[in-house]
Amino acid sequence: MSEDKKAAAVDLEAVLAQVDAALEDGKAKGRYDPAEVRKVEEAAVSFDQIDDEPAALLKLHQAKLKELWDPLPWGVTTHRAGGAGKLILGLKKIIQKISAFPKSVWFARQSSFNDEAVQLIAVLLPLIANLRGRMPQAEKRLDALEVQLARMGPRFEKILADLQRVVERQAEAGPQAEATAREVSRARFQSRGEAYLEFENQHRGTRQDIKERQAVYLPYFAKSVSPQAPLLDIGCGRGEFLEAAGEAGLAAKGVELNPEMVALCQRQGLEVAEADALEYLRGIEDESLGGILMAQIIEHLSHDELSELVSLAGAKLKPGGWLIAETVNPACLTTFSGAFYLDLSHIRPIHPEASRFLWQWAGLTSVEILLLSPYPEDYLLKKVPGEDEAAQALNYNVQRLNELLYGPQDYAVVGRK
């Protein structure tokens, strides 16, 4: 074969030009449906020159895929003879001609799809390899970011404190500024949620210990709680009482402002809403609760907040429902060297008789004070032996000091609507 013939055999552009000319001639003579022609033109695939070896290999595989999908030439024959054979053969040729164009459209669309798939693989493979190589570095960076976030905690606290001072100075401008100040104050509290949860884990006692201590309240609620009027645990914390109530067959739900504690309770399957207690109570119907517990909450409130909370709680209770609040006992002086000032979020201690008055003023009846959490015997001052007058006087003073210094560390005020 001569060099000219070899060149002609591989002159792809000339072949494509002939195909284009034939197509244009067919379109000009109206052989093709214009809508189908447009589909074929939209399905046309353009190939870019690829120089690097991996991409070139992918291109070869792409070509092979397209080759496998290209239509194969097929002839038309029949085994029948005579006039019937000629008729069948003619029909087959007509069908072949009619189906040629749709097949070319379908194969062109499949070819385009194959091309896009291989090109996508060409992009994804190096990305995947790169990501796999970067994963150890990304893990190290995440660890470093966690350390940096922990260090930035005090900075966030300062920013929130500055913001709160600004809105408090603007509070005289009207109710809107006052509402903004409350929102900022809440944001500051919630920003310390994780720290306060860890504080409780270290100093509050185990969940089992708290469940056992708070079981003393279950008999009060046992006859007044129903699914229609459930028990509400305000400031439910880690959910100890909610769990104990559920185990006792009492319908109970909680409200808690600390988002970390809310998440902890919800992971345990407890029904807890993240909300401010006053706002939550304002939003529910009167006489819709069978009982309310506020354990270690009232010492965190201002006088105005406490007065409104007791009033609202009384209004939300059904007749016969109990309102119980547990708090640190300031009549035991050693609580000030321990539990009360250990918690930085405490605002003021509430004397047992002050609580009794608030409960009675809110219209609650059967009000009583339960003295809780006694000191172990080995904490108490020891009496001296003897029955003489001096020993009796000394032991009397020891008894008074024990009551003053080492009395019950907590108390609960209990009242019924």
Foldseek 3Di string as FASTA:
>chain_A
DDPVVVCVVPPVVVVVVVVVVVVVVCVVVPVDDVVLVVLLVVLDDDDDDDDDDVLVVLVVVLVVVLVVLDDDDDDAADPDDDPVRVVVSVVVVVVCVVVPSVSSSVSSNVSSVSVVVSVVCVVVVVVVVVVVVCVVVVVVVVVVVVVVVVVCLVVVLVVLVVVLVVLVVVPVVDDVSVVVSVVSVLVSVQSCLVVVLVVCVVPVDDLVVVLVQVVVCCVLLVVQADPQAAEEEEQCFQPSVVVSCVVVVGHYAYEHQHPVSVVNCVVVVGHYHHDDQLVVLVPDAFQRHSEYEYEAHPQLDDPVVNLSNLLSRLRRHHAFHKYKYKHFAVQAVCCVVPVQVVDVSGDHDAHPVNVQVSNVVSVFPPKDKAQAAFDDPVVADDQDDDDDPVSVVRVVVSVVNCCRHGNRGMMMIMTGD
